Amino acid sequence: MKELVEVVAKALVENPDEVVVTEKTEGKNVVIELHVAASDMGKVIGKQGRIAKAIRTVVKAASFKDNTRVDVEIV
């Protein structure tokens, strides 16, 4: 899941070198934290959070087959 978020985020931002994705596992719960440059924050979140919601939807759909719960946090 970490790689999926990283690929999507790097495709959206102007500074792909500053994209950092960390993954924390707690049992069947996984928290993925996405760090981007301050100037790219709006591109990752989108108007009214649409891009962020789409990223979360794709990750949840991909994690469904692994039977895990994945949360994506944009920091």
C-alpha atoms as a PDB file:
ATOM      1  CA  MET A   1       0.000   0.000   0.000  1.00  0.00           C
ATOM      2  CA  LYS A   2       2.881   2.333   0.783  1.00  0.00           C
ATOM      3  CA  GLU A   3       4.159   2.115  -2.784  1.00  0.00           C
ATOM      4  CA  LEU A   4       0.704   2.802  -4.215  1.00  0.00           C
ATOM      5  CA  VAL A   5       0.325   6.019  -2.208  1.00  0.00           C
ATOM      6  CA  GLU A   6       3.852   7.087  -3.118  1.00  0.00           C
ATOM      7  CA  VAL A   7       3.304   6.616  -6.867  1.00  0.00           C
ATOM      8  CA  VAL A   8       0.005   8.500  -6.836  1.00  0.00           C
ATOM      9  CA  ALA A   9       1.380  11.360  -4.737  1.00  0.00           C
ATOM     10  CA  LYS A  10       4.505  11.774  -6.867  1.00  0.00           C
ATOM     11  CA  ALA A  11       2.338  11.998  -9.980  1.00  0.00           C
ATOM     12  CA  LEU A  12       0.308  14.847  -8.452  1.00  0.00           C
ATOM     13  CA  VAL A  13       2.962  17.149  -6.989  1.00  0.00           C
ATOM     14  CA  GLU A  14       5.529  19.517  -8.489  1.00  0.00           C
ATOM     15  CA  ASN A  15       8.267  18.438  -6.060  1.00  0.00           C
ATOM     16  CA  PRO A  16       8.253  14.626  -6.156  1.00  0.00           C
ATOM     17  CA  ASP A  17      11.589  14.481  -4.320  1.00  0.00           C
ATOM     18  CA  GLU A  18       9.927  15.824  -1.168  1.00  0.00           C
ATOM     19  CA  VAL A  19       7.241  13.116  -1.006  1.00  0.00           C
ATOM     20  CA  VAL A  20       7.762  10.873   2.026  1.00  0.00           C
ATOM     21  CA  VAL A  21       5.450   7.976   2.848  1.00  0.00           C
ATOM     22  CA  THR A  22       5.650   6.078   6.142  1.00  0.00           C
ATOM     23  CA  GLU A  23       3.693   3.012   7.153  1.00  0.00           C
ATOM     24  CA  LYS A  24       2.785   1.931  10.693  1.00  0.00           C
ATOM     25  CA  THR A  25       1.233  -1.481  11.339  1.00  0.00           C
ATOM     26  CA  GLU A  26      -0.848  -2.263  14.409  1.00  0.00           C
ATOM     27  CA  GLY A  27      -2.337  -5.729  14.056  1.00  0.00           C
ATOM     28  CA  LYS A  28      -4.756  -5.609  11.134  1.00  0.00           C
ATOM     29  CA  ASN A  29      -4.768  -1.808  11.094  1.00  0.00           C
ATOM     30  CA  VAL A  30      -2.279   0.037   8.916  1.00  0.00           C
ATOM     31  CA  VAL A  31      -1.720   3.808   9.014  1.00  0.00           C
ATOM     32  CA  ILE A  32      -0.014   5.380   6.021  1.00  0.00           C
ATOM     33  CA  GLU A  33       1.286   8.913   6.528  1.00  0.00           C
ATOM     34  CA  LEU A  34       1.907  11.060   3.466  1.00  0.00           C
ATOM     35  CA  HIS A  35       4.268  14.030   3.819  1.00  0.00           C
ATOM     36  CA  VAL A  36       4.551  16.529   0.943  1.00  0.00           C
ATOM     37  CA  ALA A  37       6.011  20.000   0.496  1.00  0.00           C
ATOM     38  CA  ALA A  38       3.868  22.837   1.822  1.00  0.00           C
ATOM     39  CA  SER A  39       3.441  24.239  -1.682  1.00  0.00           C
ATOM     40  CA  ASP A  40       2.054  20.891  -2.912  1.00  0.00           C
ATOM     41  CA  MET A  41      -0.408  20.349  -0.081  1.00  0.00           C
ATOM     42  CA  GLY A  42      -3.324  21.815  -2.041  1.00  0.00           C
ATOM     43  CA  LYS A  43      -2.655  19.542  -5.007  1.00  0.00           C
ATOM     44  CA  VAL A  44      -2.753  16.422  -2.856  1.00  0.00           C
ATOM     45  CA  ILE A  45      -5.886  17.472  -0.976  1.00  0.00           C
ATOM     46  CA  GLY A  46      -7.791  18.977  -3.916  1.00  0.00           C
ATOM     47  CA  LYS A  47     -10.881  21.145  -3.890  1.00  0.00           C
ATOM     48  CA  GLN A  48     -13.106  20.185  -0.972  1.00  0.00           C
ATOM     49  CA  GLY A  49     -10.812  17.201  -0.314  1.00  0.00           C
ATOM     50  CA  ARG A  50     -11.765  15.330  -3.470  1.00  0.00           C
ATOM     51  CA  ILE A  51      -8.248  14.175  -4.374  1.00  0.00           C
ATOM     52  CA  ALA A  52      -7.521  13.035  -0.806  1.00  0.00           C
ATOM     53  CA  LYS A  53     -10.817  11.141  -0.714  1.00  0.00           C
ATOM     54  CA  ALA A  54     -10.014   9.479  -4.047  1.00  0.00           C
ATOM     55  CA  ILE A  55      -6.582   8.389  -2.781  1.00  0.00           C
ATOM     56  CA  ARG A  56      -8.170   6.904   0.338  1.00  0.00           C
ATOM     57  CA  THR A  57     -10.808   5.100  -1.749  1.00  0.00           C
ATOM     58  CA  VAL A  58      -8.210   3.519  -4.037  1.00  0.00           C
ATOM     59  CA  VAL A  59      -6.084   2.383  -1.095  1.00  0.00           C
ATOM     60  CA  LYS A  60      -9.079   0.901   0.733  1.00  0.00           C
ATOM     61  CA  ALA A  61     -10.126  -0.970  -2.408  1.00  0.00           C
ATOM     62  CA  ALA A  62      -6.600  -2.331  -2.838  1.00  0.00           C
ATOM     63  CA  SER A  63      -6.400  -3.385   0.824  1.00  0.00           C
ATOM     64  CA  PHE A  64      -9.741  -5.193   0.740  1.00  0.00           C
ATOM     65  CA  LYS A  65      -8.192  -8.398  -0.611  1.00  0.00           C
ATOM     66  CA  ASP A  66      -5.583  -8.418   2.196  1.00  0.00           C
ATOM     67  CA  ASN A  67      -8.341  -8.208   4.819  1.00  0.00           C
ATOM     68  CA  THR A  68      -6.677  -5.212   6.491  1.00  0.00           C
ATOM     69  CA  ARG A  69      -7.913  -1.749   7.388  1.00  0.00           C
ATOM     70  CA  VAL A  70      -5.795   1.027   5.914  1.00  0.00           C
ATOM     71  CA  ASP A  71      -6.018   4.697   6.870  1.00  0.00           C
ATOM     72  CA  VAL A  72      -4.238   7.384   4.857  1.00  0.00           C
ATOM     73  CA  GLU A  73      -3.233  10.539   6.716  1.00  0.00           C
ATOM     74  CA  ILE A  74      -1.906  13.592   4.900  1.00  0.00           C
ATOM     75  CA  VAL A  75       0.534  15.404   7.175  1.00  0.00           C
END
